[in-house]
Amino acid sequence: MAVSPSQSDTGLLPPPPPPPSEAESPLSSLVYEMSHKMQEVMENMLKMINEIDENSNAIMEEIEKSKESALERKKFLEEEKERFQKAAYAALNMLNNGE
Protein backbone atom coordinates (compact mmCIF):
# COMPACT_ATOMS: atom_id res chain seq x y z
CA MET A 1 0.00 0.00 0.00
CA ALA A 2 2.75 2.44 0.90
CA VAL A 3 5.20 3.82 -1.60
CA SER A 4 8.84 3.67 -0.68
CA PRO A 5 10.26 7.05 0.35
CA SER A 6 13.03 6.77 -2.23
CA GLN A 7 10.55 7.29 -5.06
CA SER A 8 9.72 10.91 -5.77
CA ASP A 9 6.11 11.98 -6.03
CA THR A 10 6.53 13.38 -9.52
CA GLY A 11 8.56 10.38 -10.70
CA LEU A 12 5.55 8.11 -10.39
CA LEU A 13 3.32 9.95 -12.86
CA PRO A 14 4.02 10.65 -16.52
CA PRO A 15 4.85 14.26 -17.37
CA PRO A 16 1.96 16.37 -18.60
CA PRO A 17 1.65 16.81 -22.36
CA PRO A 18 2.96 20.07 -23.82
CA PRO A 19 0.48 22.94 -23.95
CA PRO A 20 -1.59 23.05 -27.12
CA SER A 21 -0.66 25.57 -29.74
CA GLU A 22 -3.07 28.33 -30.73
CA ALA A 23 -3.93 26.50 -33.94
CA GLU A 24 -5.35 23.52 -32.00
CA SER A 25 -8.98 23.31 -31.04
CA PRO A 26 -10.49 24.44 -27.73
CA LEU A 27 -11.15 20.78 -27.02
CA SER A 28 -7.41 20.07 -27.05
CA SER A 29 -6.89 22.95 -24.66
CA LEU A 30 -9.56 21.57 -22.35
CA VAL A 31 -8.02 18.09 -22.46
CA TYR A 32 -4.60 19.57 -21.66
CA GLU A 33 -5.96 21.53 -18.69
CA MET A 34 -7.84 18.52 -17.35
CA SER A 35 -4.76 16.33 -17.73
CA HIS A 36 -2.65 18.86 -15.83
CA LYS A 37 -5.24 19.15 -13.05
CA MET A 38 -5.56 15.38 -12.78
CA GLN A 39 -1.79 15.08 -12.40
CA GLU A 40 -1.87 17.63 -9.57
CA VAL A 41 -4.72 15.75 -7.92
CA MET A 42 -2.86 12.45 -8.21
CA GLU A 43 0.28 13.98 -6.69
CA ASN A 44 -1.75 15.38 -3.79
CA MET A 45 -3.44 12.04 -3.27
CA LEU A 46 -0.06 10.30 -3.17
CA LYS A 47 1.17 12.76 -0.54
CA MET A 48 -1.95 12.18 1.54
CA ILE A 49 -1.60 8.41 1.23
CA ASN A 50 1.98 8.65 2.49
CA GLU A 51 0.89 10.83 5.41
CA ILE A 52 -1.90 8.41 6.28
CA ASP A 53 0.52 5.51 6.16
CA GLU A 54 2.98 7.28 8.48
CA ASN A 55 0.19 8.22 10.90
CA SER A 56 -1.26 4.72 10.90
CA ASN A 57 2.17 3.28 11.73
CA ALA A 58 2.47 5.66 14.69
CA ILE A 59 -1.03 4.73 15.83
CA MET A 60 -0.26 1.01 15.59
CA GLU A 61 2.86 1.52 17.73
CA GLU A 62 0.77 3.33 20.36
CA ILE A 63 -1.80 0.52 20.31
CA GLU A 64 0.94 -2.05 20.89
CA LYS A 65 2.32 -0.03 23.81
CA SER A 66 -1.18 0.21 25.27
CA LYS A 67 -1.71 -3.54 24.90
CA GLU A 68 1.56 -4.26 26.70
CA SER A 69 0.69 -1.83 29.47
CA ALA A 70 -2.78 -3.35 29.85
CA LEU A 71 -1.34 -6.87 30.07
CA GLU A 72 1.14 -5.78 32.73
CA ARG A 73 -1.66 -4.08 34.69
CA LYS A 74 -3.84 -7.19 34.38
CA LYS A 75 -1.03 -9.39 35.71
CA PHE A 76 -0.45 -7.01 38.62
CA LEU A 77 -4.18 -6.94 39.48
CA GLU A 78 -4.42 -10.74 39.34
CA GLU A 79 -1.47 -11.03 41.72
CA GLU A 80 -3.11 -8.49 44.07
CA LYS A 81 -6.37 -10.45 43.91
CA GLU A 82 -4.58 -13.66 44.89
CA ARG A 83 -2.88 -11.93 47.84
CA PHE A 84 -6.18 -10.51 49.09
CA GLN A 85 -7.89 -13.88 48.72
CA LYS A 86 -5.11 -15.60 50.69
CA ALA A 87 -5.35 -12.95 53.39
CA ALA A 88 -9.16 -13.30 53.51
CA TYR A 89 -8.94 -17.10 53.76
CA ALA A 90 -6.33 -16.80 56.49
CA ALA A 91 -8.58 -14.40 58.42
CA LEU A 92 -11.56 -16.75 58.00
CA ASN A 93 -9.50 -19.70 59.17
CA MET A 94 -8.38 -17.77 62.26
CA LEU A 95 -11.97 -16.84 63.03
CA ASN A 96 -13.22 -20.40 62.50
CA ASN A 97 -10.42 -21.88 64.63
CA GLY A 98 -11.21 -19.38 67.40
CA GLU A 99 -14.70 -20.82 67.92
C-alpha atoms as a PDB file:
ATOM      1  CA  MET A   1       0.000   0.000   0.000  1.00  0.00           C
ATOM      2  CA  ALA A   2       2.748   2.444   0.902  1.00  0.00           C
ATOM      3  CA  VAL A   3       5.196   3.815  -1.604  1.00  0.00           C
ATOM      4  CA  SER A   4       8.836   3.675  -0.679  1.00  0.00           C
ATOM      5  CA  PRO A   5      10.257   7.050   0.353  1.00  0.00           C
ATOM      6  CA  SER A   6      13.033   6.767  -2.233  1.00  0.00           C
ATOM      7  CA  GLN A   7      10.552   7.295  -5.064  1.00  0.00           C
ATOM      8  CA  SER A   8       9.716  10.905  -5.769  1.00  0.00           C
ATOM      9  CA  ASP A   9       6.112  11.981  -6.029  1.00  0.00           C
ATOM     10  CA  THR A  10       6.527  13.380  -9.523  1.00  0.00           C
ATOM     11  CA  GLY A  11       8.563  10.382 -10.702  1.00  0.00           C
ATOM     12  CA  LEU A  12       5.546   8.107 -10.395  1.00  0.00           C
ATOM     13  CA  LEU A  13       3.322   9.952 -12.860  1.00  0.00           C
ATOM     14  CA  PRO A  14       4.016  10.655 -16.521  1.00  0.00           C
ATOM     15  CA  PRO A  15       4.853  14.261 -17.367  1.00  0.00           C
ATOM     16  CA  PRO A  16       1.960  16.370 -18.603  1.00  0.00           C
ATOM     17  CA  PRO A  17       1.650  16.812 -22.359  1.00  0.00           C
ATOM     18  CA  PRO A  18       2.960  20.066 -23.821  1.00  0.00           C
ATOM     19  CA  PRO A  19       0.478  22.941 -23.945  1.00  0.00           C
ATOM     20  CA  PRO A  20      -1.588  23.046 -27.123  1.00  0.00           C
ATOM     21  CA  SER A  21      -0.658  25.572 -29.737  1.00  0.00           C
ATOM     22  CA  GLU A  22      -3.066  28.330 -30.729  1.00  0.00           C
ATOM     23  CA  ALA A  23      -3.931  26.499 -33.938  1.00  0.00           C
ATOM     24  CA  GLU A  24      -5.345  23.522 -31.997  1.00  0.00           C
ATOM     25  CA  SER A  25      -8.979  23.310 -31.041  1.00  0.00           C
ATOM     26  CA  PRO A  26     -10.489  24.441 -27.731  1.00  0.00           C
ATOM     27  CA  LEU A  27     -11.148  20.776 -27.020  1.00  0.00           C
ATOM     28  CA  SER A  28      -7.410  20.066 -27.055  1.00  0.00           C
ATOM     29  CA  SER A  29      -6.894  22.945 -24.662  1.00  0.00           C
ATOM     30  CA  LEU A  30      -9.556  21.571 -22.345  1.00  0.00           C
ATOM     31  CA  VAL A  31      -8.015  18.086 -22.462  1.00  0.00           C
ATOM     32  CA  TYR A  32      -4.600  19.569 -21.658  1.00  0.00           C
ATOM     33  CA  GLU A  33      -5.957  21.534 -18.694  1.00  0.00           C
ATOM     34  CA  MET A  34      -7.841  18.524 -17.346  1.00  0.00           C
ATOM     35  CA  SER A  35      -4.759  16.332 -17.726  1.00  0.00           C
ATOM     36  CA  HIS A  36      -2.650  18.856 -15.832  1.00  0.00           C
ATOM     37  CA  LYS A  37      -5.239  19.151 -13.045  1.00  0.00           C
ATOM     38  CA  MET A  38      -5.557  15.383 -12.783  1.00  0.00           C
ATOM     39  CA  GLN A  39      -1.794  15.077 -12.401  1.00  0.00           C
ATOM     40  CA  GLU A  40      -1.872  17.628  -9.572  1.00  0.00           C
ATOM     41  CA  VAL A  41      -4.725  15.750  -7.922  1.00  0.00           C
ATOM     42  CA  MET A  42      -2.862  12.448  -8.213  1.00  0.00           C
ATOM     43  CA  GLU A  43       0.281  13.978  -6.693  1.00  0.00           C
ATOM     44  CA  ASN A  44      -1.751  15.379  -3.792  1.00  0.00           C
ATOM     45  CA  MET A  45      -3.443  12.038  -3.272  1.00  0.00           C
ATOM     46  CA  LEU A  46      -0.060  10.301  -3.168  1.00  0.00           C
ATOM     47  CA  LYS A  47       1.167  12.763  -0.543  1.00  0.00           C
ATOM     48  CA  MET A  48      -1.953  12.184   1.539  1.00  0.00           C
ATOM     49  CA  ILE A  49      -1.602   8.409   1.233  1.00  0.00           C
ATOM     50  CA  ASN A  50       1.979   8.646   2.487  1.00  0.00           C
ATOM     51  CA  GLU A  51       0.893  10.827   5.415  1.00  0.00           C
ATOM     52  CA  ILE A  52      -1.901   8.413   6.284  1.00  0.00           C
ATOM     53  CA  ASP A  53       0.525   5.506   6.155  1.00  0.00           C
ATOM     54  CA  GLU A  54       2.978   7.280   8.476  1.00  0.00           C
ATOM     55  CA  ASN A  55       0.192   8.215  10.897  1.00  0.00           C
ATOM     56  CA  SER A  56      -1.257   4.717  10.897  1.00  0.00           C
ATOM     57  CA  ASN A  57       2.170   3.283  11.732  1.00  0.00           C
ATOM     58  CA  ALA A  58       2.468   5.656  14.691  1.00  0.00           C
ATOM     59  CA  ILE A  59      -1.032   4.728  15.834  1.00  0.00           C
ATOM     60  CA  MET A  60      -0.257   1.013  15.588  1.00  0.00           C
ATOM     61  CA  GLU A  61       2.865   1.524  17.733  1.00  0.00           C
ATOM     62  CA  GLU A  62       0.768   3.331  20.362  1.00  0.00           C
ATOM     63  CA  ILE A  63      -1.802   0.521  20.306  1.00  0.00           C
ATOM     64  CA  GLU A  64       0.942  -2.054  20.894  1.00  0.00           C
ATOM     65  CA  LYS A  65       2.318  -0.030  23.812  1.00  0.00           C
ATOM     66  CA  SER A  66      -1.179   0.215  25.275  1.00  0.00           C
ATOM     67  CA  LYS A  67      -1.710  -3.538  24.902  1.00  0.00           C
ATOM     68  CA  GLU A  68       1.558  -4.261  26.696  1.00  0.00           C
ATOM     69  CA  SER A  69       0.686  -1.830  29.467  1.00  0.00           C
ATOM     70  CA  ALA A  70      -2.785  -3.347  29.853  1.00  0.00           C
ATOM     71  CA  LEU A  71      -1.343  -6.867  30.070  1.00  0.00           C
ATOM     72  CA  GLU A  72       1.144  -5.777  32.725  1.00  0.00           C
ATOM     73  CA  ARG A  73      -1.656  -4.084  34.688  1.00  0.00           C
ATOM     74  CA  LYS A  74      -3.838  -7.193  34.382  1.00  0.00           C
ATOM     75  CA  LYS A  75      -1.030  -9.391  35.712  1.00  0.00           C
ATOM     76  CA  PHE A  76      -0.452  -7.011  38.623  1.00  0.00           C
ATOM     77  CA  LEU A  77      -4.178  -6.940  39.481  1.00  0.00           C
ATOM     78  CA  GLU A  78      -4.423 -10.737  39.339  1.00  0.00           C
ATOM     79  CA  GLU A  79      -1.469 -11.027  41.725  1.00  0.00           C
ATOM     80  CA  GLU A  80      -3.109  -8.493  44.070  1.00  0.00           C
ATOM     81  CA  LYS A  81      -6.368 -10.451  43.911  1.00  0.00           C
ATOM     82  CA  GLU A  82      -4.577 -13.660  44.892  1.00  0.00           C
ATOM     83  CA  ARG A  83      -2.879 -11.928  47.841  1.00  0.00           C
ATOM     84  CA  PHE A  84      -6.179 -10.512  49.088  1.00  0.00           C
ATOM     85  CA  GLN A  85      -7.888 -13.885  48.721  1.00  0.00           C
ATOM     86  CA  LYS A  86      -5.114 -15.600  50.686  1.00  0.00           C
ATOM     87  CA  ALA A  87      -5.348 -12.952  53.388  1.00  0.00           C
ATOM     88  CA  ALA A  88      -9.157 -13.295  53.510  1.00  0.00           C
ATOM     89  CA  TYR A  89      -8.943 -17.101  53.759  1.00  0.00           C
ATOM     90  CA  ALA A  90      -6.325 -16.800  56.491  1.00  0.00           C
ATOM     91  CA  ALA A  91      -8.581 -14.402  58.421  1.00  0.00           C
ATOM     92  CA  LEU A  92     -11.564 -16.746  58.002  1.00  0.00           C
ATOM     93  CA  ASN A  93      -9.503 -19.699  59.166  1.00  0.00           C
ATOM     94  CA  MET A  94      -8.379 -17.771  62.256  1.00  0.00           C
ATOM     95  CA  LEU A  95     -11.975 -16.838  63.032  1.00  0.00           C
ATOM     96  CA  ASN A  96     -13.220 -20.402  62.496  1.00  0.00           C
ATOM     97  CA  ASN A  97     -10.422 -21.876  64.628  1.00  0.00           C
ATOM     98  CA  GLY A  98     -11.209 -19.381  67.403  1.00  0.00           C
ATOM     99  CA  GLU A  99     -14.698 -20.825  67.923  1.00  0.00           C
END
